[in-house]
Amino acid sequence: MSYTKLLYHIVFRTKYGKNTIPEQHEKELYAYILGIINNKKSKLYRIGGTENHLHLLIDIHPSFALSDFMKELKEYNVTIL
């Protein structure tokens, strides 16, 4: 049996670095992102950010490539921002 655990500190910003994440909507956005991550059998350890970028500390399930995982995560978030 093999065991792998990789933690990723991911930082990404909003399109053009615009301030599109108002503080009053942060909790709602973070809960939405947590749901996406959980649906992908992955684990979110920390989330935070400002009005124009997010920080995620996550453990991505080994069945997902990091690039595919991020592409899907960003696609979901474009629709709500």
N, C-alpha and C. Protein backbone atom coordinates (compact mmCIF):
# COMPACT_ATOMS: atom_id res chain seq x y z
N MET A 1 0.84 -1.17 0.00
CA MET A 1 0.00 0.00 0.00
C MET A 1 0.89 1.24 0.00
N SER A 2 0.61 2.16 -0.90
CA SER A 2 1.37 3.41 -0.92
C SER A 2 0.51 4.53 -0.37
N TYR A 3 1.18 5.50 0.18
CA TYR A 3 0.49 6.63 0.79
C TYR A 3 1.16 7.91 0.32
N THR A 4 0.36 8.82 -0.19
CA THR A 4 0.88 10.09 -0.66
C THR A 4 0.02 11.21 -0.09
N LYS A 5 0.68 12.26 0.37
CA LYS A 5 -0.03 13.44 0.82
C LYS A 5 0.75 14.65 0.38
N LEU A 6 0.16 15.41 -0.51
CA LEU A 6 0.78 16.63 -1.00
C LEU A 6 -0.11 17.80 -0.64
N LEU A 7 0.45 18.79 0.04
CA LEU A 7 -0.29 20.01 0.34
C LEU A 7 0.10 21.08 -0.67
N TYR A 8 -0.88 21.77 -1.17
CA TYR A 8 -0.65 22.83 -2.15
C TYR A 8 -1.09 24.16 -1.56
N HIS A 9 -0.22 25.16 -1.64
CA HIS A 9 -0.60 26.53 -1.30
C HIS A 9 -0.84 27.21 -2.63
N ILE A 10 -2.10 27.45 -2.92
CA ILE A 10 -2.49 28.00 -4.22
C ILE A 10 -2.96 29.43 -4.03
N VAL A 11 -2.44 30.31 -4.86
CA VAL A 11 -2.86 31.71 -4.84
C VAL A 11 -3.32 32.05 -6.25
N PHE A 12 -4.53 32.57 -6.35
CA PHE A 12 -4.96 33.07 -7.66
C PHE A 12 -5.76 34.34 -7.48
N ARG A 13 -5.71 35.17 -8.51
CA ARG A 13 -6.34 36.47 -8.41
C ARG A 13 -7.54 36.57 -9.33
N THR A 14 -8.32 37.61 -9.11
CA THR A 14 -9.48 37.84 -9.95
C THR A 14 -9.03 38.34 -11.32
N LYS A 15 -9.91 38.28 -12.27
CA LYS A 15 -9.58 38.72 -13.62
C LYS A 15 -9.17 40.19 -13.60
N TYR A 16 -8.03 40.47 -14.19
CA TYR A 16 -7.43 41.80 -14.25
C TYR A 16 -7.10 42.37 -12.87
N GLY A 17 -7.12 41.54 -11.84
CA GLY A 17 -6.81 42.01 -10.49
C GLY A 17 -7.85 42.97 -9.91
N LYS A 18 -9.06 42.93 -10.47
CA LYS A 18 -10.12 43.83 -9.99
C LYS A 18 -10.61 43.39 -8.62
N ASN A 19 -11.03 44.34 -7.83
CA ASN A 19 -11.55 44.07 -6.49
C ASN A 19 -13.02 43.62 -6.60
N THR A 20 -13.20 42.34 -6.87
CA THR A 20 -14.55 41.82 -7.10
C THR A 20 -15.02 40.87 -6.01
N ILE A 21 -14.28 40.75 -4.92
CA ILE A 21 -14.69 39.88 -3.82
C ILE A 21 -14.94 40.76 -2.59
N PRO A 22 -16.16 41.29 -2.47
CA PRO A 22 -16.44 42.14 -1.32
C PRO A 22 -16.43 41.34 -0.02
N GLU A 23 -16.01 41.99 1.05
CA GLU A 23 -15.87 41.32 2.34
C GLU A 23 -17.17 40.67 2.81
N GLN A 24 -18.30 41.28 2.53
CA GLN A 24 -19.57 40.73 2.98
C GLN A 24 -19.95 39.43 2.26
N HIS A 25 -19.29 39.10 1.16
CA HIS A 25 -19.58 37.87 0.43
C HIS A 25 -18.49 36.80 0.58
N GLU A 26 -17.45 37.10 1.37
CA GLU A 26 -16.34 36.15 1.51
C GLU A 26 -16.80 34.80 2.06
N LYS A 27 -17.57 34.79 3.13
CA LYS A 27 -17.99 33.53 3.75
C LYS A 27 -18.79 32.68 2.76
N GLU A 28 -19.66 33.32 2.01
CA GLU A 28 -20.47 32.60 1.02
C GLU A 28 -19.58 32.00 -0.07
N LEU A 29 -18.62 32.77 -0.55
CA LEU A 29 -17.70 32.29 -1.57
C LEU A 29 -16.84 31.15 -1.04
N TYR A 30 -16.32 31.30 0.18
CA TYR A 30 -15.48 30.27 0.77
C TYR A 30 -16.25 28.97 0.97
N ALA A 31 -17.50 29.07 1.39
CA ALA A 31 -18.34 27.87 1.56
C ALA A 31 -18.58 27.19 0.21
N TYR A 32 -18.77 27.98 -0.82
CA TYR A 32 -18.98 27.44 -2.17
C TYR A 32 -17.72 26.69 -2.64
N ILE A 33 -16.56 27.30 -2.44
CA ILE A 33 -15.30 26.68 -2.82
C ILE A 33 -15.08 25.39 -2.02
N LEU A 34 -15.39 25.42 -0.74
CA LEU A 34 -15.26 24.22 0.10
C LEU A 34 -16.12 23.09 -0.46
N GLY A 35 -17.33 23.39 -0.88
CA GLY A 35 -18.21 22.38 -1.46
C GLY A 35 -17.62 21.75 -2.71
N ILE A 36 -17.03 22.57 -3.57
CA ILE A 36 -16.41 22.05 -4.80
C ILE A 36 -15.24 21.13 -4.44
N ILE A 37 -14.42 21.57 -3.51
CA ILE A 37 -13.25 20.78 -3.11
C ILE A 37 -13.68 19.45 -2.49
N ASN A 38 -14.68 19.49 -1.62
CA ASN A 38 -15.18 18.26 -1.01
C ASN A 38 -15.75 17.30 -2.05
N ASN A 39 -16.43 17.83 -3.06
CA ASN A 39 -17.00 16.98 -4.12
C ASN A 39 -15.92 16.31 -4.95
N LYS A 40 -14.71 16.83 -4.90
CA LYS A 40 -13.60 16.24 -5.64
C LYS A 40 -12.71 15.38 -4.74
N LYS A 41 -13.28 14.93 -3.62
CA LYS A 41 -12.57 14.03 -2.68
C LYS A 41 -11.27 14.64 -2.17
N SER A 42 -11.23 15.94 -2.07
CA SER A 42 -10.03 16.64 -1.62
C SER A 42 -10.33 17.33 -0.29
N LYS A 43 -9.29 17.91 0.32
CA LYS A 43 -9.47 18.52 1.63
C LYS A 43 -8.93 19.93 1.64
N LEU A 44 -9.75 20.85 2.12
CA LEU A 44 -9.35 22.24 2.29
C LEU A 44 -8.92 22.44 3.73
N TYR A 45 -7.69 22.93 3.93
CA TYR A 45 -7.19 23.19 5.27
C TYR A 45 -7.37 24.65 5.66
N ARG A 46 -7.08 25.56 4.74
CA ARG A 46 -7.22 26.99 5.02
C ARG A 46 -7.63 27.70 3.74
N ILE A 47 -8.40 28.76 3.93
CA ILE A 47 -8.77 29.63 2.81
C ILE A 47 -8.79 31.06 3.32
N GLY A 48 -8.38 31.98 2.49
CA GLY A 48 -8.39 33.38 2.85
C GLY A 48 -8.02 34.22 1.65
N GLY A 49 -8.00 35.50 1.83
CA GLY A 49 -7.65 36.36 0.72
C GLY A 49 -8.11 37.78 0.95
N THR A 50 -8.11 38.53 -0.13
CA THR A 50 -8.56 39.91 -0.11
C THR A 50 -9.57 40.10 -1.23
N GLU A 51 -9.83 41.35 -1.55
CA GLU A 51 -10.83 41.65 -2.58
C GLU A 51 -10.43 41.21 -3.98
N ASN A 52 -9.12 40.94 -4.19
CA ASN A 52 -8.70 40.61 -5.55
C ASN A 52 -7.88 39.32 -5.67
N HIS A 53 -7.75 38.56 -4.59
CA HIS A 53 -7.06 37.27 -4.71
C HIS A 53 -7.44 36.34 -3.56
N LEU A 54 -7.20 35.04 -3.78
CA LEU A 54 -7.51 34.01 -2.79
C LEU A 54 -6.28 33.16 -2.53
N HIS A 55 -6.18 32.67 -1.30
CA HIS A 55 -5.16 31.71 -0.90
C HIS A 55 -5.88 30.44 -0.47
N LEU A 56 -5.44 29.30 -0.96
CA LEU A 56 -5.99 28.01 -0.58
C LEU A 56 -4.85 27.10 -0.14
N LEU A 57 -5.04 26.41 0.96
CA LEU A 57 -4.12 25.35 1.36
C LEU A 57 -4.93 24.06 1.28
N ILE A 58 -4.62 23.23 0.29
CA ILE A 58 -5.45 22.06 0.04
C ILE A 58 -4.61 20.81 -0.20
N ASP A 59 -5.26 19.69 0.02
CA ASP A 59 -4.73 18.37 -0.29
C ASP A 59 -5.63 17.84 -1.40
N ILE A 60 -5.09 17.76 -2.60
CA ILE A 60 -5.86 17.32 -3.76
C ILE A 60 -5.78 15.80 -3.87
N HIS A 61 -6.93 15.19 -4.08
CA HIS A 61 -6.99 13.74 -4.23
C HIS A 61 -6.07 13.32 -5.39
N PRO A 62 -5.33 12.22 -5.24
CA PRO A 62 -4.37 11.82 -6.27
C PRO A 62 -4.97 11.52 -7.64
N SER A 63 -6.27 11.35 -7.71
CA SER A 63 -6.90 11.06 -9.01
C SER A 63 -7.05 12.32 -9.87
N PHE A 64 -6.74 13.49 -9.31
CA PHE A 64 -6.86 14.75 -10.04
C PHE A 64 -5.49 15.37 -10.29
N ALA A 65 -5.27 15.83 -11.50
CA ALA A 65 -4.06 16.61 -11.80
C ALA A 65 -4.30 18.03 -11.29
N LEU A 66 -3.27 18.66 -10.77
CA LEU A 66 -3.39 20.00 -10.22
C LEU A 66 -3.97 20.96 -11.26
N SER A 67 -3.48 20.90 -12.49
CA SER A 67 -3.94 21.83 -13.53
C SER A 67 -5.44 21.63 -13.82
N ASP A 68 -5.90 20.39 -13.90
CA ASP A 68 -7.32 20.12 -14.15
C ASP A 68 -8.17 20.57 -12.97
N PHE A 69 -7.67 20.32 -11.76
CA PHE A 69 -8.39 20.71 -10.55
C PHE A 69 -8.59 22.23 -10.52
N MET A 70 -7.51 22.98 -10.79
CA MET A 70 -7.60 24.44 -10.75
C MET A 70 -8.48 24.98 -11.87
N LYS A 71 -8.40 24.37 -13.04
CA LYS A 71 -9.23 24.82 -14.15
C LYS A 71 -10.70 24.70 -13.78
N GLU A 72 -11.08 23.57 -13.22
CA GLU A 72 -12.47 23.37 -12.85
C GLU A 72 -12.88 24.30 -11.71
N LEU A 73 -12.02 24.48 -10.74
CA LEU A 73 -12.33 25.36 -9.61
C LEU A 73 -12.55 26.80 -10.10
N LYS A 74 -11.69 27.28 -10.97
CA LYS A 74 -11.82 28.64 -11.48
C LYS A 74 -13.06 28.79 -12.37
N GLU A 75 -13.39 27.78 -13.15
CA GLU A 75 -14.57 27.85 -14.00
C GLU A 75 -15.83 28.00 -13.16
N TYR A 76 -15.92 27.26 -12.07
CA TYR A 76 -17.08 27.37 -11.19
C TYR A 76 -17.17 28.77 -10.61
N ASN A 77 -16.06 29.35 -10.20
CA ASN A 77 -16.07 30.64 -9.53
C ASN A 77 -16.33 31.80 -10.46
N VAL A 78 -16.01 31.66 -11.73
CA VAL A 78 -16.28 32.74 -12.68
C VAL A 78 -17.77 33.02 -12.73
N THR A 79 -18.58 32.00 -12.61
CA THR A 79 -20.02 32.19 -12.72
C THR A 79 -20.62 32.91 -11.53
N ILE A 80 -19.98 32.86 -10.35
CA ILE A 80 -20.57 33.51 -9.19
C ILE A 80 -19.96 34.88 -8.91
N LEU A 81 -18.81 35.17 -9.49
CA LEU A 81 -18.20 36.48 -9.29
C LEU A 81 -18.67 37.38 -10.38
